[in-house]
Amino acid sequence: MKDKYSYLALNDDEENEDEEKSSQPAADPLIGRMLKTRTILLAGEINKDLAERIIRQLLLLDDMGEDPIQIFIDSPGGDADAGYAIFDMIRFIKAPVWTIGMGLVASAAAIIELAAPKERRVGLPNSHYLIHQPLSGIRGVATDIEIHARELDKLRDRINHLIADETGVPFGQVEKDTDRDYWMNAAEAVKYGLISKVTASQADLNIPKPGKAGKAEKAEAKKPAAKKAAPVKAQPAKPASAKPAAKKPAPKAPAKKKPGK
């Protein structure tokens, strides 16, 4: 029986070979096993092909349940649009996502790291981070270069606002920092607000294992609801029966004296 994760485990080179040879490529069993644990590895240059593969994996895992998804990021960056596509999808799906920086998390990869809420953004001890203004290698006539430069300024402004919003660093400071390459080690990234903490162990994250969170919720839902005690109706007080007041005996008339003889 074919593994339902197999088509997600294909490498870009294998997909290209499949188009050229019209043959079914072999899936990477290791990536398939990682997906079963709801773990995604985002490694290498960020481009359209990588973004498409990561987005497919996110959509499938989200469709299969709402257990947490872990994305391990080790990338020198790449295409900003591809990075934003992954960023938007992380925020689009229902399942909570953890972004875990390792190795190098640079440029567009740092933007993807910011897609998770701060409490779910962590880094491994030897990870390091780079934020900077977007780069361009545009060529052409002066008018086209001018148009592209304006778009690049808009992108730079958008990136700086995102970093400021997610880290709490004032926008003006972010503008100054990203004017040139701004490098941070893991501890410095925590101080900057890029990640919430440095972790050396999976156990430190306290991420529920796939299935456990859902099972706990289902078990809680199956518990019979406690029966509500029937409200005690207040009985109307019966009016006390009025007893007739005791009649006082009428005063006796004084005895008449007999006339003396």
C-alpha atoms as a PDB file:
ATOM      1  CA  MET A   1       0.000   0.000   0.000  1.00  0.00           C
ATOM      2  CA  LYS A   2       1.387   3.387  -0.938  1.00  0.00           C
ATOM      3  CA  ASP A   3       2.162   5.750   1.930  1.00  0.00           C
ATOM      4  CA  LYS A   4      -0.163   8.759   1.848  1.00  0.00           C
ATOM      5  CA  TYR A   5       2.820  10.946   2.706  1.00  0.00           C
ATOM      6  CA  SER A   6       5.009   9.661  -0.104  1.00  0.00           C
ATOM      7  CA  TYR A   7       4.267  12.348  -2.671  1.00  0.00           C
ATOM      8  CA  LEU A   8       5.164  15.016  -0.122  1.00  0.00           C
ATOM      9  CA  ALA A   9       8.558  13.431   0.472  1.00  0.00           C
ATOM     10  CA  LEU A  10       9.806  14.020  -3.054  1.00  0.00           C
ATOM     11  CA  ASN A  11      12.836  16.196  -3.566  1.00  0.00           C
ATOM     12  CA  ASP A  12      12.767  18.907  -6.227  1.00  0.00           C
ATOM     13  CA  ASP A  13      15.347  17.027  -8.312  1.00  0.00           C
ATOM     14  CA  GLU A  14      13.225  13.890  -8.179  1.00  0.00           C
ATOM     15  CA  GLU A  15      10.163  15.831  -9.298  1.00  0.00           C
ATOM     16  CA  ASN A  16      12.075  17.234 -12.272  1.00  0.00           C
ATOM     17  CA  GLU A  17      13.315  13.768 -13.199  1.00  0.00           C
ATOM     18  CA  ASP A  18       9.748  12.521 -13.036  1.00  0.00           C
ATOM     19  CA  GLU A  19       8.674  15.133 -15.583  1.00  0.00           C
ATOM     20  CA  GLU A  20      11.572  14.279 -17.874  1.00  0.00           C
ATOM     21  CA  LYS A  21      11.405  10.489 -17.636  1.00  0.00           C
ATOM     22  CA  SER A  22       7.651  10.139 -17.021  1.00  0.00           C
ATOM     23  CA  SER A  23       8.428   7.558 -14.356  1.00  0.00           C
ATOM     24  CA  GLN A  24       7.358   7.368 -10.725  1.00  0.00           C
ATOM     25  CA  PRO A  25      10.227   8.645  -8.540  1.00  0.00           C
ATOM     26  CA  ALA A  26      11.082   7.002  -5.258  1.00  0.00           C
ATOM     27  CA  ALA A  27       9.968   8.903  -2.179  1.00  0.00           C
ATOM     28  CA  ASP A  28      12.343   9.742   0.632  1.00  0.00           C
ATOM     29  CA  PRO A  29      11.160   7.476   3.489  1.00  0.00           C
ATOM     30  CA  LEU A  30      12.878   9.646   6.104  1.00  0.00           C
ATOM     31  CA  ILE A  31      10.842  12.732   5.156  1.00  0.00           C
ATOM     32  CA  GLY A  32       7.697  10.594   5.133  1.00  0.00           C
ATOM     33  CA  ARG A  33       8.401   9.467   8.694  1.00  0.00           C
ATOM     34  CA  MET A  34       9.043  13.054   9.765  1.00  0.00           C
ATOM     35  CA  LEU A  35       5.660  14.097   8.401  1.00  0.00           C
ATOM     36  CA  LYS A  36       3.988  11.361  10.436  1.00  0.00           C
ATOM     37  CA  THR A  37       5.359  13.102  13.520  1.00  0.00           C
ATOM     38  CA  ARG A  38       4.085  16.427  12.107  1.00  0.00           C
ATOM     39  CA  THR A  39       7.623  17.691  11.601  1.00  0.00           C
ATOM     40  CA  ILE A  40       8.737  19.714   8.562  1.00  0.00           C
ATOM     41  CA  LEU A  41      12.332  20.458   7.601  1.00  0.00           C
ATOM     42  CA  LEU A  42      12.797  23.753   5.778  1.00  0.00           C
ATOM     43  CA  ALA A  43      16.400  23.682   4.577  1.00  0.00           C
ATOM     44  CA  GLY A  44      18.288  25.316   1.735  1.00  0.00           C
ATOM     45  CA  GLU A  45      17.559  28.290  -0.457  1.00  0.00           C
ATOM     46  CA  ILE A  46      14.007  29.596  -0.318  1.00  0.00           C
ATOM     47  CA  ASN A  47      12.491  29.578  -3.790  1.00  0.00           C
ATOM     48  CA  LYS A  48       9.203  28.803  -5.515  1.00  0.00           C
ATOM     49  CA  ASP A  49       9.754  25.029  -5.524  1.00  0.00           C
ATOM     50  CA  LEU A  50      10.631  24.878  -1.827  1.00  0.00           C
ATOM     51  CA  ALA A  51       7.665  27.100  -0.929  1.00  0.00           C
ATOM     52  CA  GLU A  52       5.290  24.899  -2.917  1.00  0.00           C
ATOM     53  CA  ARG A  53       6.500  21.752  -1.165  1.00  0.00           C
ATOM     54  CA  ILE A  54       6.333  23.273   2.334  1.00  0.00           C
ATOM     55  CA  ILE A  55       2.842  24.668   1.667  1.00  0.00           C
ATOM     56  CA  ARG A  56       1.595  21.255   0.464  1.00  0.00           C
ATOM     57  CA  GLN A  57       2.897  19.664   3.649  1.00  0.00           C
ATOM     58  CA  LEU A  58       1.298  22.312   5.859  1.00  0.00           C
ATOM     59  CA  LEU A  59      -2.090  21.960   4.163  1.00  0.00           C
ATOM     60  CA  LEU A  60      -2.084  18.174   4.398  1.00  0.00           C
ATOM     61  CA  LEU A  61      -1.012  18.086   8.051  1.00  0.00           C
ATOM     62  CA  ASP A  62      -3.628  20.698   8.912  1.00  0.00           C
ATOM     63  CA  ASP A  63      -6.308  18.657   7.151  1.00  0.00           C
ATOM     64  CA  MET A  64      -5.318  15.582   9.159  1.00  0.00           C
ATOM     65  CA  GLY A  65      -5.746  17.238  12.542  1.00  0.00           C
ATOM     66  CA  GLU A  66      -5.017  20.196  14.749  1.00  0.00           C
ATOM     67  CA  ASP A  67      -2.039  18.776  16.640  1.00  0.00           C
ATOM     68  CA  PRO A  68       1.021  21.072  16.710  1.00  0.00           C
ATOM     69  CA  ILE A  69       3.355  21.210  13.695  1.00  0.00           C
ATOM     70  CA  GLN A  70       7.094  21.794  14.088  1.00  0.00           C
ATOM     71  CA  ILE A  71       9.101  23.518  11.346  1.00  0.00           C
ATOM     72  CA  PHE A  72      12.884  23.295  11.673  1.00  0.00           C
ATOM     73  CA  ILE A  73      14.481  26.158   9.717  1.00  0.00           C
ATOM     74  CA  ASP A  74      18.044  26.150   8.369  1.00  0.00           C
ATOM     75  CA  SER A  75      18.259  28.467   5.377  1.00  0.00           C
ATOM     76  CA  PRO A  76      20.395  31.301   3.982  1.00  0.00           C
ATOM     77  CA  GLY A  77      17.202  32.956   2.719  1.00  0.00           C
ATOM     78  CA  GLY A  78      16.199  33.544  -0.866  1.00  0.00           C
ATOM     79  CA  ASP A  79      13.127  34.818  -2.676  1.00  0.00           C
ATOM     80  CA  ALA A  80      11.112  37.181  -0.453  1.00  0.00           C
ATOM     81  CA  ASP A  81       7.822  36.359  -2.196  1.00  0.00           C
ATOM     82  CA  ALA A  82       8.362  32.621  -1.658  1.00  0.00           C
ATOM     83  CA  GLY A  83       9.188  33.329   1.979  1.00  0.00           C
ATOM     84  CA  TYR A  84       6.025  35.355   2.447  1.00  0.00           C
ATOM     85  CA  ALA A  85       3.972  32.569   0.830  1.00  0.00           C
ATOM     86  CA  ILE A  86       5.187  30.157   3.526  1.00  0.00           C
ATOM     87  CA  PHE A  87       4.716  32.843   6.199  1.00  0.00           C
ATOM     88  CA  ASP A  88       1.082  33.426   5.184  1.00  0.00           C
ATOM     89  CA  MET A  89       0.288  29.706   5.058  1.00  0.00           C
ATOM     90  CA  ILE A  90       1.655  29.142   8.575  1.00  0.00           C
ATOM     91  CA  ARG A  91      -0.784  31.778   9.810  1.00  0.00           C
ATOM     92  CA  PHE A  92      -3.601  30.564   7.568  1.00  0.00           C
ATOM     93  CA  ILE A  93      -3.920  26.995   8.857  1.00  0.00           C
ATOM     94  CA  LYS A  94      -5.715  26.049  12.083  1.00  0.00           C
ATOM     95  CA  ALA A  95      -3.007  23.807  13.568  1.00  0.00           C
ATOM     96  CA  PRO A  96      -0.553  25.631  15.858  1.00  0.00           C
ATOM     97  CA  VAL A  97       2.941  25.889  14.359  1.00  0.00           C
ATOM     98  CA  TRP A  98       6.301  26.028  16.145  1.00  0.00           C
ATOM     99  CA  THR A  99       9.240  27.540  14.243  1.00  0.00           C
ATOM    100  CA  ILE A 100      12.603  26.239  15.429  1.00  0.00           C
ATOM    101  CA  GLY A 101      15.754  27.939  14.190  1.00  0.00           C
ATOM    102  CA  MET A 102      18.918  25.906  13.720  1.00  0.00           C
ATOM    103  CA  GLY A 103      22.152  26.525  11.872  1.00  0.00           C
ATOM    104  CA  LEU A 104      21.619  29.663   9.782  1.00  0.00           C
ATOM    105  CA  VAL A 105      18.293  31.509   9.742  1.00  0.00           C
ATOM    106  CA  ALA A 106      18.887  34.437   7.397  1.00  0.00           C
ATOM    107  CA  SER A 107      16.929  36.994   5.416  1.00  0.00           C
ATOM    108  CA  ALA A 108      13.656  35.452   4.144  1.00  0.00           C
ATOM    109  CA  ALA A 109      14.151  32.519   6.545  1.00  0.00           C
ATOM    110  CA  ALA A 110      14.092  34.969   9.471  1.00  0.00           C
ATOM    111  CA  ILE A 111      10.736  36.239   8.173  1.00  0.00           C
ATOM    112  CA  ILE A 112       9.385  32.674   8.214  1.00  0.00           C
ATOM    113  CA  GLU A 113      10.684  32.244  11.777  1.00  0.00           C
ATOM    114  CA  LEU A 114       8.464  35.202  12.754  1.00  0.00           C
ATOM    115  CA  ALA A 115       5.311  33.530  11.408  1.00  0.00           C
ATOM    116  CA  ALA A 116       4.647  31.735  14.703  1.00  0.00           C
ATOM    117  CA  PRO A 117       3.618  33.599  17.862  1.00  0.00           C
ATOM    118  CA  LYS A 118       6.611  34.601  19.978  1.00  0.00           C
ATOM    119  CA  GLU A 119       6.013  31.896  22.590  1.00  0.00           C
ATOM    120  CA  ARG A 120       6.278  29.281  19.826  1.00  0.00           C
ATOM    121  CA  ARG A 121       9.472  30.687  18.266  1.00  0.00           C
ATOM    122  CA  VAL A 122      12.632  29.060  19.593  1.00  0.00           C
ATOM    123  CA  GLY A 123      16.211  28.478  18.523  1.00  0.00           C
ATOM    124  CA  LEU A 124      18.802  25.773  19.054  1.00  0.00           C
ATOM    125  CA  PRO A 125      21.967  26.807  20.932  1.00  0.00           C
ATOM    126  CA  ASN A 126      24.237  27.270  17.902  1.00  0.00           C
ATOM    127  CA  SER A 127      21.705  28.884  15.595  1.00  0.00           C
ATOM    128  CA  HIS A 128      22.428  32.372  14.278  1.00  0.00           C
ATOM    129  CA  TYR A 129      20.241  34.910  12.553  1.00  0.00           C
ATOM    130  CA  LEU A 130      20.497  37.631   9.928  1.00  0.00           C
ATOM    131  CA  ILE A 131      18.094  40.449   9.123  1.00  0.00           C
ATOM    132  CA  HIS A 132      18.763  43.024   6.422  1.00  0.00           C
ATOM    133  CA  GLN A 133      17.115  45.036   3.678  1.00  0.00           C
ATOM    134  CA  PRO A 134      15.998  43.110   0.567  1.00  0.00           C
ATOM    135  CA  LEU A 135      18.521  42.620  -2.201  1.00  0.00           C
ATOM    136  CA  SER A 136      17.994  42.997  -5.932  1.00  0.00           C
ATOM    137  CA  GLY A 137      19.926  42.071  -9.034  1.00  0.00           C
ATOM    138  CA  ILE A 138      17.606  43.818 -11.474  1.00  0.00           C
ATOM    139  CA  ARG A 139      18.989  44.820 -14.840  1.00  0.00           C
ATOM    140  CA  GLY A 140      17.456  46.757 -17.670  1.00  0.00           C
ATOM    141  CA  VAL A 141      16.688  50.248 -18.802  1.00  0.00           C
ATOM    142  CA  ALA A 142      16.723  53.124 -16.323  1.00  0.00           C
ATOM    143  CA  THR A 143      12.930  53.405 -16.201  1.00  0.00           C
ATOM    144  CA  ASP A 144      12.490  49.733 -15.279  1.00  0.00           C
ATOM    145  CA  ILE A 145      15.207  49.984 -12.641  1.00  0.00           C
ATOM    146  CA  GLU A 146      13.455  53.015 -11.147  1.00  0.00           C
ATOM    147  CA  ILE A 147      10.116  51.162 -11.001  1.00  0.00           C
ATOM    148  CA  HIS A 148      11.767  48.149  -9.401  1.00  0.00           C
ATOM    149  CA  ALA A 149      13.548  50.369  -6.860  1.00  0.00           C
ATOM    150  CA  ARG A 150      10.206  51.790  -5.712  1.00  0.00           C
ATOM    151  CA  GLU A 151       8.815  48.285  -5.236  1.00  0.00           C
ATOM    152  CA  LEU A 152      11.951  47.313  -3.345  1.00  0.00           C
ATOM    153  CA  ASP A 153      11.440  50.253  -0.977  1.00  0.00           C
ATOM    154  CA  LYS A 154       7.870  49.096  -0.328  1.00  0.00           C
ATOM    155  CA  LEU A 155       9.094  45.572   0.415  1.00  0.00           C
ATOM    156  CA  ARG A 156      11.766  46.896   2.750  1.00  0.00           C
ATOM    157  CA  ASP A 157       9.177  48.953   4.619  1.00  0.00           C
ATOM    158  CA  ARG A 158       6.873  45.928   4.918  1.00  0.00           C
ATOM    159  CA  ILE A 159       9.663  43.729   6.278  1.00  0.00           C
ATOM    160  CA  ASN A 160      10.755  46.364   8.807  1.00  0.00           C
ATOM    161  CA  HIS A 161       7.188  46.840  10.052  1.00  0.00           C
ATOM    162  CA  LEU A 162       6.803  43.069  10.454  1.00  0.00           C
ATOM    163  CA  ILE A 163      10.034  42.764  12.433  1.00  0.00           C
ATOM    164  CA  ALA A 164       9.055  45.718  14.632  1.00  0.00           C
ATOM    165  CA  ASP A 165       5.558  44.341  15.276  1.00  0.00           C
ATOM    166  CA  GLU A 166       6.753  40.823  16.125  1.00  0.00           C
ATOM    167  CA  THR A 167       9.802  41.713  18.215  1.00  0.00           C
ATOM    168  CA  GLY A 168       8.663  44.882  19.955  1.00  0.00           C
ATOM    169  CA  VAL A 169      11.744  46.770  18.743  1.00  0.00           C
ATOM    170  CA  PRO A 170      10.868  50.350  17.686  1.00  0.00           C
ATOM    171  CA  PHE A 171      10.433  50.734  13.931  1.00  0.00           C
ATOM    172  CA  GLY A 172      13.152  53.381  13.693  1.00  0.00           C
ATOM    173  CA  GLN A 173      15.642  51.060  15.366  1.00  0.00           C
ATOM    174  CA  VAL A 174      14.703  48.209  13.023  1.00  0.00           C
ATOM    175  CA  GLU A 175      15.239  50.510  10.033  1.00  0.00           C
ATOM    176  CA  LYS A 176      18.688  51.352  11.332  1.00  0.00           C
ATOM    177  CA  ASP A 177      19.558  47.705  12.067  1.00  0.00           C
ATOM    178  CA  THR A 178      18.453  46.375   8.686  1.00  0.00           C
ATOM    179  CA  ASP A 179      20.202  49.104   6.718  1.00  0.00           C
ATOM    180  CA  ARG A 180      23.190  46.751   6.699  1.00  0.00           C
ATOM    181  CA  ASP A 181      23.555  43.074   7.594  1.00  0.00           C
ATOM    182  CA  TYR A 182      22.554  42.624  11.244  1.00  0.00           C
ATOM    183  CA  TRP A 183      23.804  39.347  12.741  1.00  0.00           C
ATOM    184  CA  MET A 184      22.648  37.749  15.993  1.00  0.00           C
ATOM    185  CA  ASN A 185      23.543  34.572  17.823  1.00  0.00           C
ATOM    186  CA  ALA A 186      20.803  32.635  19.621  1.00  0.00           C
ATOM    187  CA  ALA A 187      21.074  34.563  22.897  1.00  0.00           C
ATOM    188  CA  GLU A 188      21.090  37.899  21.055  1.00  0.00           C
ATOM    189  CA  ALA A 189      18.051  36.804  19.032  1.00  0.00           C
ATOM    190  CA  VAL A 190      16.192  36.204  22.306  1.00  0.00           C
ATOM    191  CA  LYS A 191      17.141  39.667  23.547  1.00  0.00           C
ATOM    192  CA  TYR A 192      16.050  41.212  20.233  1.00  0.00           C
ATOM    193  CA  GLY A 193      12.690  39.393  20.406  1.00  0.00           C
ATOM    194  CA  LEU A 194      13.198  37.309  17.284  1.00  0.00           C
ATOM    195  CA  ILE A 195      12.769  34.101  19.312  1.00  0.00           C
ATOM    196  CA  SER A 196      11.422  33.493  22.816  1.00  0.00           C
ATOM    197  CA  LYS A 197      14.121  31.185  24.128  1.00  0.00           C
ATOM    198  CA  VAL A 198      17.065  28.939  23.351  1.00  0.00           C
ATOM    199  CA  THR A 199      16.415  25.249  23.824  1.00  0.00           C
ATOM    200  CA  ALA A 200      18.829  22.329  23.718  1.00  0.00           C
ATOM    201  CA  SER A 201      16.259  19.567  24.147  1.00  0.00           C
ATOM    202  CA  GLN A 202      12.977  18.586  22.562  1.00  0.00           C
ATOM    203  CA  ALA A 203      11.610  17.916  26.033  1.00  0.00           C
ATOM    204  CA  ASP A 204      12.089  21.585  26.954  1.00  0.00           C
ATOM    205  CA  LEU A 205       9.498  22.637  24.387  1.00  0.00           C
ATOM    206  CA  ASN A 206       6.592  20.768  26.009  1.00  0.00           C
ATOM    207  CA  ILE A 207       4.960  20.235  22.620  1.00  0.00           C
ATOM    208  CA  PRO A 208       2.178  17.608  22.848  1.00  0.00           C
ATOM    209  CA  LYS A 209       2.925  14.542  20.743  1.00  0.00           C
ATOM    210  CA  PRO A 210       0.644  13.973  17.731  1.00  0.00           C
ATOM    211  CA  GLY A 211      -2.674  12.506  18.786  1.00  0.00           C
ATOM    212  CA  LYS A 212      -2.350  13.151  22.501  1.00  0.00           C
ATOM    213  CA  ALA A 213      -3.883  16.600  22.482  1.00  0.00           C
ATOM    214  CA  GLY A 214      -6.790  15.425  20.353  1.00  0.00           C
ATOM    215  CA  LYS A 215      -7.329  12.301  22.468  1.00  0.00           C
ATOM    216  CA  ALA A 216      -7.452  14.338  25.648  1.00  0.00           C
ATOM    217  CA  GLU A 217     -10.060  16.647  24.140  1.00  0.00           C
ATOM    218  CA  LYS A 218     -12.138  13.709  22.902  1.00  0.00           C
ATOM    219  CA  ALA A 219     -11.951  11.984  26.293  1.00  0.00           C
ATOM    220  CA  GLU A 220     -13.083  15.174  27.966  1.00  0.00           C
ATOM    221  CA  ALA A 221     -15.944  15.495  25.493  1.00  0.00           C
ATOM    222  CA  LYS A 222     -17.094  11.900  26.161  1.00  0.00           C
ATOM    223  CA  LYS A 223     -17.451  12.449  29.895  1.00  0.00           C
ATOM    224  CA  PRO A 224     -21.131  12.530  30.834  1.00  0.00           C
ATOM    225  CA  ALA A 225     -22.259  15.944  31.762  1.00  0.00           C
ATOM    226  CA  ALA A 226     -22.958  16.353  35.447  1.00  0.00           C
ATOM    227  CA  LYS A 227     -26.660  16.285  36.133  1.00  0.00           C
ATOM    228  CA  LYS A 228     -27.953  19.538  37.369  1.00  0.00           C
ATOM    229  CA  ALA A 229     -29.874  19.362  40.617  1.00  0.00           C
ATOM    230  CA  ALA A 230     -33.505  20.171  40.152  1.00  0.00           C
ATOM    231  CA  PRO A 231     -34.205  23.619  41.489  1.00  0.00           C
ATOM    232  CA  VAL A 232     -36.048  23.574  44.783  1.00  0.00           C
ATOM    233  CA  LYS A 233     -39.281  25.412  44.425  1.00  0.00           C
ATOM    234  CA  ALA A 234     -40.085  27.696  47.314  1.00  0.00           C
ATOM    235  CA  GLN A 235     -43.404  26.792  48.846  1.00  0.00           C
ATOM    236  CA  PRO A 236     -45.601  29.814  49.500  1.00  0.00           C
ATOM    237  CA  ALA A 237     -45.937  30.468  53.201  1.00  0.00           C
ATOM    238  CA  LYS A 238     -49.362  29.579  54.523  1.00  0.00           C
ATOM    239  CA  PRO A 239     -51.018  32.449  56.323  1.00  0.00           C
ATOM    240  CA  ALA A 240     -51.322  31.754  60.026  1.00  0.00           C
ATOM    241  CA  SER A 241     -54.926  31.104  61.002  1.00  0.00           C
ATOM    242  CA  ALA A 242     -56.158  33.938  63.126  1.00  0.00           C
ATOM    243  CA  LYS A 243     -57.587  32.707  66.433  1.00  0.00           C
ATOM    244  CA  PRO A 244     -60.493  34.718  67.851  1.00  0.00           C
ATOM    245  CA  ALA A 245     -59.397  36.829  70.737  1.00  0.00           C
ATOM    246  CA  ALA A 246     -60.557  35.524  74.113  1.00  0.00           C
ATOM    247  CA  LYS A 247     -63.489  37.479  75.425  1.00  0.00           C
ATOM    248  CA  LYS A 248     -62.889  39.218  78.707  1.00  0.00           C
ATOM    249  CA  PRO A 249     -65.572  38.466  81.326  1.00  0.00           C
ATOM    250  CA  ALA A 250     -67.972  41.328  81.795  1.00  0.00           C
ATOM    251  CA  PRO A 251     -67.474  43.157  85.098  1.00  0.00           C
ATOM    252  CA  LYS A 252     -69.968  42.046  87.774  1.00  0.00           C
ATOM    253  CA  ALA A 253     -72.429  44.631  89.039  1.00  0.00           C
ATOM    254  CA  PRO A 254     -71.911  45.525  92.740  1.00  0.00           C
ATOM    255  CA  ALA A 255     -74.354  43.741  95.055  1.00  0.00           C
ATOM    256  CA  LYS A 256     -77.254  45.882  96.289  1.00  0.00           C
ATOM    257  CA  LYS A 257     -77.311  46.495 100.042  1.00  0.00           C
ATOM    258  CA  LYS A 258     -80.468  45.558 101.780  1.00  0.00           C
ATOM    259  CA  PRO A 259     -82.145  48.493 103.561  1.00  0.00           C
ATOM    260  CA  GLY A 260     -81.663  48.446 107.274  1.00  0.00           C
ATOM    261  CA  LYS A 261     -84.535  47.335 109.375  1.00  0.00           C
END
